[in-house]
Amino acid sequence: MKRIGNLYDKIINIENLKLADENARKGKLKSYGVRKHDENREANIISLYKQLKNKTYKTSNYNIFKIYEPKEREIYQLPYFPDRIVHHAIMNILEPIWKTIFTFDTFSCIKKRGIHGCMQKVKKSLRDDKNTKYCLKMDIKKYYPSVDNNILKNIIRKKIKCKDTLDILDEIIDSAKGIPIGNYLSQYFANVYLTYFDHYLKEEMKVKYYFRYADDMVIFSNNKKDLREILINIQNYLKENLNLELKSNYQIFPTDIRGVDFVGYVFRTTHIFIRKSIKKNFARKVAKLYKKNISIKQFKNKIASWLGWCKYANCKKLVKKLYNIYDKKLILCMNNVNL
C-alpha cells in the first residue's frame, strides 16, 4: 500500500486553517467558544499557525461529563479554539486519503455514506432472497473506550508516513485513553481502526453481504452454519489484532421471520419501519407540540428530523394514527413521506 507524505505543511497552511474555522463553526455560531474566538479571530488563526509551525500545540484539557440518553456515555469536550479548528484542519487534508481505504460497505461519518446510504444498501441486499435468509447482528463491547491507542497509531502509519503529521496525530490520540467520544477526529479514528478488519471480511473471508455503521455490524448469508463460522473468525480477529471483543448479545436469526434492527430502521424483506424508540419519541413530540399555538411552518421545523426518518420508511399506519389524533397539522407536513 502506498504511504502518503508531505502533508503537514498543507494542514497548517493559513488558508486551510481559515477553512477549518469556517467548517468547525457550522451550526455553532451562537456557542460561547465561537463568540469568544471571534473577538480576536484573525489574531487567533495567526497564533495557531505559529503554534503548529513551531510544534508547540498541545491538546487542551477536556471538559468531561456524562449523558444518559439514548444510553449512559462519557463525553469529552474540547474548546472551540484551538482544538476543534485543529481537528478540522487535519481532516480537510486527511479525509480524502482515508476515504480511499474504506470498503464501499463502510458507513458513518463518511461523506455520502450516512444512515440513509447504509439503509438503501441493506434494503437492496435483502431483496436477494437466496443469499440473505439469515442475519448475524453484532456490535463491539464498549468500542470507543476499548480502542488501543498504540494499535490505532500503527494502523494510521499503514497509510501516512509524514512524520510531523504523525506526531500531531499521536499527541491527540494520547490525550485520552481509547477514543474520546465528542472529539471531531474521534469518529474518523473509529472508522480507521476497523477498516482493515472490513477488508479481512470482504477480501479474505469473501463475505459479500457485510455492512458496518461505526461499530454496529450485520452480515447476511443463506446458511446459518456459515454465519457461526464467520462469527468465530470475527471474534478471533478482533481479539488478536485489535484487542476488542464483541458484546455477548450477538444474534443469528432468519430474516423472513424477524426484522433486522439496524441504523434506526427495522428491515424486513418487503417493508422497512422506523425503530420503535424513534417512533415513540416522534409521537411524544407531536403530542407536545400540538398543545402549543404554533404555525404549520414552526410545527414542521420542530419535527423535521422525524420526517427525515419517515421519508425512507413505510410509515403509512404511523402517520394515519397521528393524523387521526392530532388533525391536519401533521399531514400537511408529510408531503414527502411514503404514504
Protein backbone atom coordinates (compact mmCIF):
# COMPACT_ATOMS: atom_id res chain seq x y z
CA MET A 1 0.00 0.00 0.00
CA LYS A 2 1.35 3.40 -0.97
CA ARG A 3 2.03 5.61 2.04
CA ILE A 4 1.44 9.36 1.78
CA GLY A 5 3.93 12.01 2.94
CA ASN A 6 4.39 15.80 2.79
CA LEU A 7 1.06 16.55 4.47
CA TYR A 8 1.91 18.77 7.43
CA ASP A 9 2.51 21.99 5.50
CA LYS A 10 -0.91 21.54 3.87
CA ILE A 11 -2.54 21.05 7.27
CA ILE A 12 -1.02 24.18 8.88
CA ASN A 13 -1.44 26.40 5.81
CA ILE A 14 -3.21 29.63 6.82
CA GLU A 15 -5.91 29.16 4.18
CA ASN A 16 -6.58 25.64 5.42
CA LEU A 17 -6.83 26.91 9.00
CA LYS A 18 -9.35 29.55 7.88
CA LEU A 19 -11.35 26.90 6.02
CA ALA A 20 -11.23 24.70 9.13
CA ASP A 21 -12.57 27.60 11.19
CA GLU A 22 -15.46 28.04 8.73
CA ASN A 23 -16.28 24.33 8.80
CA ALA A 24 -15.97 23.96 12.57
CA ARG A 25 -18.38 26.83 13.30
CA LYS A 26 -21.27 25.50 11.19
CA GLY A 27 -24.33 25.22 13.39
CA LYS A 28 -22.44 26.66 16.36
CA LEU A 29 -22.44 30.40 15.69
CA LYS A 30 -24.16 31.19 18.99
CA SER A 31 -21.90 28.98 21.11
CA TYR A 32 -19.63 30.58 23.68
CA GLY A 33 -16.48 29.16 22.09
CA VAL A 34 -17.19 30.62 18.65
CA ARG A 35 -18.22 34.02 20.05
CA LYS A 36 -15.08 34.16 22.22
CA HIS A 37 -12.86 33.18 19.28
CA ASP A 38 -14.46 35.82 17.05
CA GLU A 39 -13.34 38.58 19.41
CA ASN A 40 -9.79 38.03 18.03
CA ARG A 41 -10.41 35.77 15.09
CA GLU A 42 -7.58 36.82 12.76
CA ALA A 43 -5.04 37.04 15.57
CA ASN A 44 -6.09 33.61 16.85
CA ILE A 45 -5.60 31.99 13.44
CA ILE A 46 -2.13 33.50 13.13
CA SER A 47 -1.30 32.40 16.67
CA LEU A 48 -2.49 28.87 15.89
CA TYR A 49 -0.39 28.79 12.72
CA LYS A 50 2.70 29.71 14.77
CA GLN A 51 1.94 27.03 17.38
CA LEU A 52 1.63 24.39 14.68
CA LYS A 53 4.66 25.66 12.78
CA ASN A 54 6.82 25.64 15.92
CA LYS A 55 5.36 22.28 17.11
CA THR A 56 4.17 23.82 20.40
CA TYR A 57 0.48 22.95 20.01
CA LYS A 58 -0.85 20.59 22.68
CA THR A 59 -4.38 19.29 23.15
CA SER A 60 -6.28 21.39 25.69
CA ASN A 61 -7.75 19.97 28.88
CA TYR A 62 -11.02 18.09 28.36
CA ASN A 63 -14.31 19.02 29.96
CA ILE A 64 -15.64 15.55 30.81
CA PHE A 65 -19.32 14.94 31.56
CA LYS A 66 -21.92 12.21 31.24
CA ILE A 67 -25.08 11.98 29.17
CA TYR A 68 -27.81 9.41 29.77
CA GLU A 69 -29.84 9.41 26.51
CA PRO A 70 -30.05 7.22 24.49
CA LYS A 71 -27.64 5.46 26.89
CA GLU A 72 -25.10 6.47 29.51
CA ARG A 73 -21.89 7.73 27.92
CA GLU A 74 -18.91 9.81 29.00
CA ILE A 75 -18.40 12.83 26.74
CA TYR A 76 -15.04 14.56 26.24
CA GLN A 77 -15.38 18.20 25.19
CA LEU A 78 -12.54 20.38 23.89
CA PRO A 79 -12.54 24.17 23.45
CA TYR A 80 -13.55 25.52 20.04
CA PHE A 81 -10.23 27.36 19.77
CA PRO A 82 -7.72 26.00 19.16
CA ASP A 83 -8.65 22.31 19.25
CA ARG A 84 -11.77 21.98 17.12
CA ILE A 85 -10.15 24.14 14.45
CA VAL A 86 -7.04 21.94 14.52
CA HIS A 87 -9.13 18.78 14.17
CA HIS A 88 -10.99 20.20 11.16
CA ALA A 89 -7.72 21.37 9.59
CA ILE A 90 -6.33 17.84 9.87
CA MET A 91 -9.46 16.29 8.41
CA ASN A 92 -9.56 18.72 5.48
CA ILE A 93 -6.34 17.07 4.30
CA LEU A 94 -6.64 13.50 5.60
CA GLU A 95 -10.29 12.74 4.87
CA PRO A 96 -9.78 12.22 1.09
CA ILE A 97 -6.83 9.92 1.88
CA TRP A 98 -8.63 7.86 4.48
CA LYS A 99 -11.73 7.57 2.32
CA THR A 100 -9.70 5.60 -0.23
CA ILE A 101 -9.03 2.78 2.27
CA PHE A 102 -12.64 2.25 3.38
CA THR A 103 -14.69 -0.52 1.81
CA PHE A 104 -17.81 0.52 -0.06
CA ASP A 105 -19.97 -1.01 2.68
CA THR A 106 -18.42 1.04 5.49
CA PHE A 107 -20.64 3.86 6.71
CA SER A 108 -20.81 6.58 9.40
CA CYS A 109 -19.09 9.96 9.21
CA ILE A 110 -18.09 9.48 5.57
CA LYS A 111 -19.43 11.94 3.01
CA LYS A 112 -22.42 10.50 1.13
CA ARG A 113 -22.29 7.39 3.34
CA GLY A 114 -24.57 8.22 6.24
CA ILE A 115 -27.51 6.40 7.78
CA HIS A 116 -29.70 6.55 4.69
CA GLY A 117 -26.92 5.44 2.35
CA CYS A 118 -26.44 2.40 4.57
CA MET A 119 -30.18 1.81 4.78
CA GLN A 120 -30.54 1.75 0.99
CA LYS A 121 -27.76 -0.84 0.62
CA VAL A 122 -29.19 -3.11 3.31
CA LYS A 123 -32.65 -2.76 1.78
CA LYS A 124 -31.32 -3.71 -1.66
CA SER A 125 -29.42 -6.71 -0.27
CA LEU A 126 -32.45 -8.14 1.50
CA ARG A 127 -34.21 -8.45 -1.87
CA ASP A 128 -31.76 -11.27 -2.63
CA ASP A 129 -33.87 -13.98 -1.02
CA LYS A 130 -31.42 -16.78 -1.88
CA ASN A 131 -28.40 -15.30 -0.10
CA THR A 132 -29.88 -13.23 2.73
CA LYS A 133 -32.03 -15.80 4.52
CA TYR A 134 -30.12 -15.40 7.78
CA CYS A 135 -28.61 -12.43 9.59
CA LEU A 136 -25.69 -12.15 12.02
CA LYS A 137 -26.14 -8.96 14.02
CA MET A 138 -23.42 -7.76 16.40
CA ASP A 139 -21.58 -4.82 17.84
CA ILE A 140 -18.38 -4.27 19.81
CA LYS A 141 -18.27 -4.10 23.60
CA LYS A 142 -17.54 -0.54 24.83
CA TYR A 143 -15.94 0.23 21.49
CA TYR A 144 -14.68 3.81 21.86
CA PRO A 145 -13.06 3.44 25.31
CA SER A 146 -11.66 0.00 24.37
CA VAL A 147 -9.62 1.15 21.38
CA ASP A 148 -5.90 0.50 21.93
CA ASN A 149 -4.00 3.76 21.34
CA ASN A 150 -0.82 2.04 20.13
CA ILE A 151 -2.69 -0.19 17.70
CA LEU A 152 -4.54 2.85 16.32
CA LYS A 153 -1.24 4.70 15.77
CA ASN A 154 0.21 1.69 13.94
CA ILE A 155 -2.88 1.41 11.70
CA ILE A 156 -2.60 5.10 10.80
CA ARG A 157 1.03 4.52 9.82
CA LYS A 158 -0.05 1.99 7.18
CA LYS A 159 -1.26 4.90 5.04
CA ILE A 160 0.55 8.00 6.33
CA LYS A 161 4.32 8.49 6.57
CA CYS A 162 4.59 12.27 7.14
CA LYS A 163 6.44 12.48 10.49
CA ASP A 164 5.07 15.86 11.58
CA THR A 165 1.51 14.77 10.79
CA LEU A 166 2.01 11.52 12.70
CA ASP A 167 3.43 13.46 15.65
CA ILE A 168 0.35 15.66 15.99
CA LEU A 169 -1.99 12.70 15.49
CA ASP A 170 -0.09 10.76 18.16
CA GLU A 171 -0.41 13.69 20.57
CA ILE A 172 -4.16 13.90 20.02
CA ILE A 173 -4.59 10.12 20.33
CA ASP A 174 -2.60 10.00 23.57
CA SER A 175 -4.59 12.89 25.09
CA ALA A 176 -7.14 10.33 26.36
CA LYS A 177 -7.45 6.58 26.81
CA GLY A 178 -9.24 4.95 23.89
CA ILE A 179 -11.17 7.18 21.50
CA PRO A 180 -12.83 10.05 23.41
CA ILE A 181 -16.48 10.46 22.45
CA GLY A 182 -17.01 14.10 21.48
CA ASN A 183 -13.84 14.83 19.54
CA TYR A 184 -14.35 15.68 15.88
CA LEU A 185 -11.43 13.40 14.94
CA SER A 186 -12.76 10.52 17.03
CA GLN A 187 -15.44 9.49 14.54
CA TYR A 188 -12.76 9.10 11.85
CA PHE A 189 -10.35 7.29 14.16
CA ALA A 190 -13.19 4.86 14.93
CA ASN A 191 -13.64 4.07 11.24
CA VAL A 192 -9.91 3.82 10.51
CA TYR A 193 -9.39 1.42 13.43
CA LEU A 194 -11.78 -1.12 11.88
CA THR A 195 -11.04 -0.56 8.21
CA TYR A 196 -8.54 -3.43 7.80
CA PHE A 197 -10.96 -5.69 9.67
CA ASP A 198 -13.51 -4.73 6.97
CA HIS A 199 -11.03 -5.73 4.27
CA TYR A 200 -10.34 -9.00 6.06
CA LEU A 201 -14.03 -9.92 5.96
CA LYS A 202 -14.57 -8.78 2.38
CA GLU A 203 -11.36 -9.99 0.74
CA GLU A 204 -10.09 -12.91 2.82
CA MET A 205 -13.34 -14.29 4.24
CA LYS A 206 -15.19 -13.43 0.98
CA VAL A 207 -18.24 -12.11 2.86
CA LYS A 208 -20.47 -10.42 0.30
CA TYR A 209 -23.27 -9.04 2.45
CA TYR A 210 -21.43 -7.27 5.27
CA PHE A 211 -22.34 -3.75 6.40
CA ARG A 212 -20.78 -1.69 9.19
CA TYR A 213 -22.00 1.57 10.67
CA ALA A 214 -19.45 2.67 13.32
CA ASP A 215 -19.20 -0.48 15.49
CA ASP A 216 -22.65 -1.89 14.59
CA MET A 217 -22.46 -4.68 12.03
CA VAL A 218 -24.76 -7.01 10.10
CA ILE A 219 -23.87 -9.94 7.84
CA PHE A 220 -26.33 -11.85 5.64
CA SER A 221 -25.99 -15.39 4.33
CA ASN A 222 -28.10 -18.26 3.06
CA ASN A 223 -26.51 -20.61 5.60
CA LYS A 224 -26.69 -20.35 9.39
CA LYS A 225 -23.66 -22.60 9.81
CA ASP A 226 -21.54 -20.26 7.69
CA LEU A 227 -22.54 -17.34 9.90
CA ARG A 228 -21.48 -19.24 13.01
CA GLU A 229 -18.06 -19.89 11.44
CA ILE A 230 -17.77 -16.23 10.41
CA LEU A 231 -18.66 -15.20 13.96
CA ILE A 232 -15.82 -17.29 15.40
CA ASN A 233 -13.36 -15.78 12.90
CA ILE A 234 -14.54 -12.29 13.76
CA GLN A 235 -14.10 -12.89 17.49
CA ASN A 236 -10.58 -14.22 16.93
CA TYR A 237 -9.56 -11.38 14.60
CA LEU A 238 -10.85 -8.66 16.91
CA LYS A 239 -9.10 -10.15 19.93
CA GLU A 240 -5.79 -10.93 18.26
CA ASN A 241 -5.41 -7.86 16.04
CA LEU A 242 -7.41 -5.06 17.68
CA ASN A 243 -7.70 -6.05 21.35
CA LEU A 244 -11.50 -5.84 21.10
CA GLU A 245 -14.39 -8.16 21.84
CA LEU A 246 -17.97 -8.43 20.68
CA LYS A 247 -20.88 -7.83 23.03
CA SER A 248 -22.39 -11.08 24.23
CA ASN A 249 -25.79 -10.18 22.73
CA TYR A 250 -24.83 -11.05 19.12
CA GLN A 251 -27.65 -12.83 17.28
CA ILE A 252 -28.17 -15.14 14.30
CA PHE A 253 -31.75 -15.33 13.05
CA PRO A 254 -33.87 -15.85 9.90
CA THR A 255 -34.70 -12.59 8.13
CA ASP A 256 -38.10 -13.78 6.91
CA ILE A 257 -39.36 -14.28 10.48
CA ARG A 258 -37.73 -11.39 12.30
CA GLY A 259 -36.90 -7.83 11.29
CA VAL A 260 -33.29 -6.64 11.21
CA ASP A 261 -32.95 -3.70 13.62
CA PHE A 262 -30.09 -1.62 12.22
CA VAL A 263 -29.22 2.10 11.82
CA GLY A 264 -32.55 3.22 13.27
CA TYR A 265 -34.71 1.09 10.98
CA VAL A 266 -36.25 -2.36 11.19
CA PHE A 267 -35.74 -4.16 7.87
CA ARG A 268 -37.99 -6.86 6.54
CA THR A 269 -37.76 -8.42 3.10
CA THR A 270 -40.68 -6.35 1.79
CA HIS A 271 -41.01 -3.41 4.20
CA ILE A 272 -38.95 -1.02 6.29
CA PHE A 273 -40.14 0.54 9.55
CA ILE A 274 -38.52 3.05 11.85
CA ARG A 275 -37.21 1.76 15.16
CA LYS A 276 -39.76 1.58 17.98
CA SER A 277 -37.90 4.06 20.20
CA ILE A 278 -37.74 6.62 17.38
CA LYS A 279 -41.44 6.13 16.68
CA LYS A 280 -42.31 6.71 20.34
CA ASN A 281 -40.22 9.86 20.53
CA PHE A 282 -41.89 11.13 17.36
CA ALA A 283 -45.37 10.57 18.79
CA ARG A 284 -44.43 12.25 22.08
CA LYS A 285 -43.02 15.28 20.24
CA VAL A 286 -46.15 15.66 18.12
CA ALA A 287 -48.35 15.43 21.24
CA LYS A 288 -46.27 18.08 22.98
CA LEU A 289 -46.26 20.46 20.01
CA TYR A 290 -49.96 20.05 19.37
CA LYS A 291 -50.70 21.69 22.70
CA LYS A 292 -48.82 24.81 21.64
CA ASN A 293 -50.25 27.51 19.43
CA ILE A 294 -47.68 27.43 16.64
CA SER A 295 -47.85 27.74 12.87
CA ILE A 296 -47.63 24.85 10.42
CA LYS A 297 -44.16 26.07 9.40
CA GLN A 298 -42.95 26.07 13.01
CA PHE A 299 -44.55 22.67 13.55
CA LYS A 300 -42.79 21.25 10.52
CA ASN A 301 -39.39 22.62 11.60
CA LYS A 302 -39.79 21.07 15.05
CA ILE A 303 -40.43 17.57 13.69
CA ALA A 304 -38.08 17.79 10.68
CA SER A 305 -35.67 15.12 11.96
CA TRP A 306 -38.50 12.59 12.42
CA LEU A 307 -39.86 13.41 8.97
CA GLY A 308 -36.41 12.50 7.64
CA TRP A 309 -36.71 9.05 9.20
CA CYS A 310 -40.26 8.57 7.89
CA LYS A 311 -39.34 9.64 4.37
CA TYR A 312 -37.35 6.45 3.83
CA ALA A 313 -39.67 4.01 5.59
CA ASN A 314 -43.17 2.60 5.24
CA CYS A 315 -44.92 4.87 7.74
CA LYS A 316 -48.48 4.96 6.43
CA LYS A 317 -50.07 3.46 9.55
CA LEU A 318 -47.99 5.62 11.88
CA VAL A 319 -48.86 8.84 10.07
CA LYS A 320 -52.51 7.88 9.80
CA LYS A 321 -52.69 7.20 13.53
CA LEU A 322 -51.06 10.51 14.41
CA TYR A 323 -53.26 12.26 11.86
CA ASN A 324 -56.42 10.81 13.41
CA ILE A 325 -55.35 12.01 16.84
CA TYR A 326 -53.75 15.33 16.03
CA ASP A 327 -55.76 16.53 12.99
CA LYS A 328 -54.38 18.04 9.80
CA LYS A 329 -51.33 19.73 11.28
CA LEU A 330 -49.19 16.64 10.84
CA ILE A 331 -50.47 15.52 7.43
CA LEU A 332 -49.62 18.93 5.95
CA CYS A 333 -46.03 18.32 6.95
CA MET A 334 -45.77 14.87 5.41
CA ASN A 335 -45.91 15.56 1.67
CA ASN A 336 -42.55 13.84 1.05
CA VAL A 337 -43.17 10.76 3.15
CA ASN A 338 -44.02 7.31 1.73
CA LEU A 339 -47.80 7.24 2.30
